[in-house]
Amino acid sequence: MEQQSKALIRLEGVTKVFYTDEVETHALANVHLEVREGEYLAIAGPSGGGKTTLLSILGLLDSPTGGEYQLNGHSVARLTAAQRAHIRNREIGFVFQAFNLIGDLSVQENVELPLTYRKMPAAERKQRVLEALERVGMAHRVNHYPAQLSGGQQQRVAVARAIAGKPSVLLADEPTGNLDSVNGESVMALLRELHQEGATVCMVTHDPRYAEHAERTVHLFDGQIVRDERAGAAAAERHASAAL
């Protein structure tokens, strides 16, 4: 029997409440979620449903109001800010909708920057950067600056920056949101290839076409998971609906 991969992410009863001007906004409510090593998960749902809040908690950019979050079997609740930053730098790769590249740094420098915080030797940093850029097809643009690149190329550089550190999980927040359909499909194909090579991917998207690239999709509505389905089940449901 094939051995099941271990749980990389486990959320138990996670809630998130924002307080502003005596108003409570419940962004997440009693979320239970498990993501296993090597899984490709899409987090889907309408705008304001809690997708980005959930991803921020998974990436240790925010903390839940209640519930338990375990990453790699360890609770993150009592981590200090420095410890959270340390884990983000080594365990989590981020791909944002807006690319978040630094305009006055070259492609190589943008990809290398997170590695400098690890006090990694320069030779190893250079090797990691070149390997990551080759992986996303951007090694030929190593000395260019973000303004000299198309949107799709900038997002590929952002993916290279995320994977250069060899993280445990890749978190992508609407990675195609600022791209046209051709570049969007290209970036999605790249994420799919990374997953096929063993990467664990959690991607937020509001577009059902892109959610189909994942092997599993959880649907958020009003801060709650209302459906959790495998790719095969989702396709069967669509085919059945089309036949009616």
Protein backbone atom coordinates (compact mmCIF):
# COMPACT_ATOMS: atom_id res chain seq x y z
CA MET A 1 0.00 0.00 0.00
CA GLU A 2 1.27 3.43 -0.92
CA GLN A 3 2.34 5.42 2.13
CA GLN A 4 0.27 8.54 2.67
CA SER A 5 2.19 11.81 2.87
CA LYS A 6 2.24 13.60 6.18
CA ALA A 7 0.13 16.62 7.07
CA LEU A 8 2.14 19.76 6.37
CA ILE A 9 -0.61 22.19 7.40
CA ARG A 10 -3.38 21.56 9.93
CA LEU A 11 -6.01 24.10 10.99
CA GLU A 12 -8.44 23.20 13.74
CA GLY A 13 -11.36 25.53 14.47
CA VAL A 14 -9.54 28.61 13.20
CA THR A 15 -11.40 31.90 13.45
CA LYS A 16 -10.39 35.44 12.55
CA VAL A 17 -12.24 38.52 13.76
CA PHE A 18 -11.35 42.10 12.83
CA TYR A 19 -12.42 44.87 15.19
CA THR A 20 -12.93 48.37 13.79
CA ASP A 21 -14.99 51.20 15.31
CA GLU A 22 -16.83 48.79 17.63
CA VAL A 23 -17.79 46.62 14.64
CA GLU A 24 -16.81 42.97 14.51
CA THR A 25 -16.04 41.45 11.11
CA HIS A 26 -15.82 37.67 11.16
CA ALA A 27 -13.42 36.91 8.31
CA LEU A 28 -13.02 33.21 9.18
CA ALA A 29 -15.32 31.01 11.24
CA ASN A 30 -14.40 27.56 12.58
CA VAL A 31 -12.14 26.55 9.69
CA HIS A 32 -10.82 22.99 9.72
CA LEU A 33 -8.28 22.26 7.01
CA GLU A 34 -5.47 19.80 6.40
CA VAL A 35 -2.96 20.05 3.56
CA ARG A 36 -0.58 17.16 3.00
CA GLU A 37 2.95 17.24 1.61
CA GLY A 38 2.97 17.43 -2.17
CA GLU A 39 -0.67 18.48 -2.45
CA TYR A 40 -1.94 21.18 -4.82
CA LEU A 41 -4.83 23.01 -3.15
CA ALA A 42 -6.94 25.81 -4.60
CA ILE A 43 -8.81 28.10 -2.20
CA ALA A 44 -11.80 29.46 -4.11
CA GLY A 45 -14.81 31.63 -3.40
CA PRO A 46 -16.29 35.09 -3.93
CA SER A 47 -14.56 38.34 -3.05
CA GLY A 48 -14.75 38.99 0.68
CA GLY A 49 -15.19 35.32 1.50
CA GLY A 50 -12.00 35.05 3.54
CA LYS A 51 -9.58 33.60 0.97
CA THR A 52 -6.75 36.09 1.40
CA THR A 53 -7.21 36.15 5.18
CA LEU A 54 -6.80 32.39 5.25
CA LEU A 55 -3.69 32.56 3.07
CA SER A 56 -2.22 35.29 5.30
CA ILE A 57 -2.65 33.05 8.32
CA LEU A 58 -1.10 30.09 6.49
CA GLY A 59 1.87 32.30 5.58
CA LEU A 60 2.32 33.61 9.15
CA LEU A 61 1.58 37.14 7.96
CA ASP A 62 -1.39 37.23 10.34
CA SER A 63 -2.55 35.30 13.40
CA PRO A 64 -5.93 33.68 14.02
CA THR A 65 -8.21 35.04 16.71
CA GLY A 66 -8.96 31.49 17.83
CA GLY A 67 -8.23 27.89 16.99
CA GLU A 68 -5.00 26.02 16.33
CA TYR A 69 -2.56 26.20 13.41
CA GLN A 70 0.17 23.61 13.07
CA LEU A 71 2.88 23.85 10.42
CA ASN A 72 5.05 20.76 9.93
CA GLY A 73 3.64 19.35 13.15
CA HIS A 74 4.49 22.40 15.26
CA SER A 75 2.02 24.88 16.74
CA VAL A 76 2.70 28.45 15.61
CA ALA A 77 0.57 30.17 18.26
CA ARG A 78 3.37 31.10 20.65
CA LEU A 79 6.04 31.99 18.13
CA THR A 80 7.71 35.38 18.52
CA ALA A 81 7.78 37.84 15.62
CA ALA A 82 11.42 36.91 14.97
CA GLN A 83 10.61 33.20 14.94
CA ARG A 84 7.71 33.75 12.55
CA ALA A 85 9.97 35.74 10.20
CA HIS A 86 12.57 32.95 10.38
CA ILE A 87 9.98 30.32 9.37
CA ARG A 88 8.57 32.52 6.58
CA ASN A 89 12.05 32.93 5.15
CA ARG A 90 12.86 29.21 5.18
CA GLU A 91 9.61 27.28 5.00
CA ILE A 92 7.21 29.43 2.96
CA GLY A 93 7.44 30.79 -0.58
CA PHE A 94 5.08 33.63 -1.54
CA VAL A 95 3.73 34.57 -4.97
CA PHE A 96 1.58 37.71 -4.93
CA GLN A 97 -0.87 39.14 -7.45
CA ALA A 98 1.12 42.38 -7.69
CA PHE A 99 4.49 40.57 -8.16
CA ASN A 100 6.10 42.68 -5.37
CA LEU A 101 9.44 42.96 -7.14
CA ILE A 102 11.78 45.79 -6.13
CA GLY A 103 12.14 48.16 -9.06
CA ASP A 104 15.74 49.26 -8.49
CA LEU A 105 17.04 45.71 -8.11
CA SER A 106 17.89 43.46 -11.05
CA VAL A 107 16.15 40.14 -11.63
CA GLN A 108 19.06 38.33 -10.01
CA GLU A 109 19.06 40.66 -7.00
CA ASN A 110 15.29 40.31 -6.52
CA VAL A 111 15.51 36.52 -6.45
CA GLU A 112 18.61 36.56 -4.26
CA LEU A 113 17.33 39.01 -1.64
CA PRO A 114 15.46 36.52 0.64
CA LEU A 115 18.51 34.24 0.61
CA THR A 116 20.77 37.01 1.94
CA TYR A 117 18.78 36.99 5.19
CA ARG A 118 19.89 33.39 5.70
CA LYS A 119 23.55 34.42 5.70
CA MET A 120 24.03 31.92 2.89
CA PRO A 121 27.47 31.96 1.20
CA ALA A 122 27.53 34.06 -1.96
CA ALA A 123 28.44 31.15 -4.22
CA GLU A 124 25.50 29.07 -2.96
CA ARG A 125 23.14 32.03 -3.33
CA LYS A 126 24.22 32.55 -6.92
CA GLN A 127 23.71 28.87 -7.73
CA ARG A 128 20.24 28.82 -6.15
CA VAL A 129 19.24 31.98 -8.04
CA LEU A 130 20.40 30.70 -11.42
CA GLU A 131 18.74 27.32 -10.87
CA ALA A 132 15.44 29.00 -9.97
CA LEU A 133 15.56 31.40 -12.93
CA GLU A 134 16.38 28.56 -15.32
CA ARG A 135 13.46 26.63 -13.88
CA VAL A 136 11.00 29.43 -14.77
CA GLY A 137 12.63 30.24 -18.12
CA MET A 138 14.05 33.62 -17.07
CA ALA A 139 17.81 32.95 -16.83
CA HIS A 140 18.35 35.07 -19.96
CA ARG A 141 16.92 38.11 -18.15
CA VAL A 142 19.16 37.90 -15.09
CA ASN A 143 20.52 41.46 -15.44
CA HIS A 144 17.26 43.13 -16.46
CA TYR A 145 15.08 45.23 -14.14
CA PRO A 146 11.36 44.71 -13.47
CA ALA A 147 10.36 47.70 -15.62
CA GLN A 148 12.03 46.00 -18.60
CA LEU A 149 9.84 42.90 -18.24
CA SER A 150 6.27 42.09 -19.19
CA GLY A 151 3.75 41.21 -16.50
CA GLY A 152 4.06 37.52 -17.22
CA GLN A 153 7.85 37.71 -17.01
CA GLN A 154 7.68 39.60 -13.72
CA GLN A 155 5.43 36.91 -12.25
CA ARG A 156 7.87 34.23 -13.40
CA VAL A 157 10.65 36.09 -11.58
CA ALA A 158 8.39 36.25 -8.51
CA VAL A 159 7.92 32.47 -8.71
CA ALA A 160 11.69 32.03 -9.01
CA ARG A 161 12.16 34.15 -5.87
CA ALA A 162 9.62 31.97 -4.06
CA ILE A 163 11.21 28.65 -5.00
CA ALA A 164 14.89 29.63 -4.72
CA GLY A 165 14.73 29.05 -0.98
CA LYS A 166 13.31 25.53 -1.48
CA PRO A 167 10.33 26.15 0.83
CA SER A 168 8.06 23.51 2.33
CA VAL A 169 5.00 25.18 0.82
CA LEU A 170 4.33 27.65 -1.98
CA LEU A 171 1.51 30.14 -1.28
CA ALA A 172 0.08 31.96 -4.30
CA ASP A 173 -2.45 34.77 -3.86
CA GLU A 174 -4.33 35.35 -7.15
CA PRO A 175 -1.07 34.81 -9.11
CA THR A 176 -2.82 35.49 -12.44
CA GLY A 177 -4.84 38.49 -11.27
CA ASN A 178 -2.71 41.10 -13.07
CA LEU A 179 -2.06 39.02 -16.19
CA ASP A 180 -3.83 38.54 -19.50
CA SER A 181 -5.24 35.10 -20.27
CA VAL A 182 -2.18 33.89 -22.21
CA ASN A 183 0.31 34.85 -19.50
CA GLY A 184 -2.12 33.62 -16.85
CA GLU A 185 -2.25 30.17 -18.39
CA SER A 186 1.54 30.16 -18.68
CA VAL A 187 2.00 30.90 -14.97
CA MET A 188 -0.60 28.28 -14.08
CA ALA A 189 1.26 25.72 -16.20
CA LEU A 190 4.44 26.61 -14.31
CA LEU A 191 2.76 26.09 -10.92
CA ARG A 192 1.39 22.76 -12.14
CA GLU A 193 4.86 21.65 -13.23
CA LEU A 194 6.33 22.64 -9.86
CA HIS A 195 3.64 20.59 -8.14
CA GLN A 196 4.34 17.60 -10.38
CA GLU A 197 7.97 17.85 -9.28
CA GLY A 198 6.91 17.56 -5.65
CA ALA A 199 6.06 21.09 -4.50
CA THR A 200 3.20 21.69 -2.07
CA VAL A 201 1.06 24.52 -3.49
CA CYS A 202 -1.81 26.48 -1.90
CA MET A 203 -3.34 28.97 -4.33
CA VAL A 204 -6.09 31.53 -3.81
CA THR A 205 -8.20 32.20 -6.90
CA HIS A 206 -11.65 33.51 -7.72
CA ASP A 207 -11.48 32.07 -11.26
CA PRO A 208 -12.92 28.53 -11.63
CA ARG A 209 -10.74 27.95 -14.71
CA TYR A 210 -7.59 28.28 -12.66
CA ALA A 211 -8.96 26.32 -9.71
CA GLU A 212 -9.24 23.38 -12.12
CA HIS A 213 -5.44 23.22 -12.28
CA ALA A 214 -5.35 22.07 -8.64
CA GLU A 215 -6.01 18.50 -7.54
CA ARG A 216 -8.25 19.69 -4.70
CA THR A 217 -10.38 22.79 -4.14
CA VAL A 218 -11.87 24.16 -0.93
CA HIS A 219 -14.66 26.70 -1.38
CA LEU A 220 -14.93 29.53 1.14
CA PHE A 221 -18.14 31.48 1.67
CA ASP A 222 -18.59 34.03 4.46
CA GLY A 223 -15.44 32.76 6.15
CA GLN A 224 -16.44 29.11 6.21
CA ILE A 225 -15.43 26.11 4.13
CA VAL A 226 -18.68 25.09 2.44
CA ARG A 227 -17.23 22.50 0.06
CA ASP A 228 -14.05 20.46 -0.20
CA GLU A 229 -13.69 18.50 -3.42
CA ARG A 230 -11.14 16.59 -5.44
CA ALA A 231 -10.53 17.53 -9.07
CA GLY A 232 -12.21 14.37 -10.40
CA ALA A 233 -15.36 14.97 -8.39
CA ALA A 234 -15.56 18.59 -9.54
CA ALA A 235 -15.23 17.60 -13.19
CA ALA A 236 -17.91 14.91 -12.83
CA GLU A 237 -20.27 17.44 -11.25
CA ARG A 238 -19.74 19.91 -14.12
CA HIS A 239 -20.34 17.22 -16.73
CA ALA A 240 -23.53 16.12 -14.99
CA SER A 241 -24.78 19.73 -14.88
CA ALA A 242 -23.98 20.22 -18.56
CA ALA A 243 -25.97 17.10 -19.48
CA LEU A 244 -29.14 18.40 -17.82
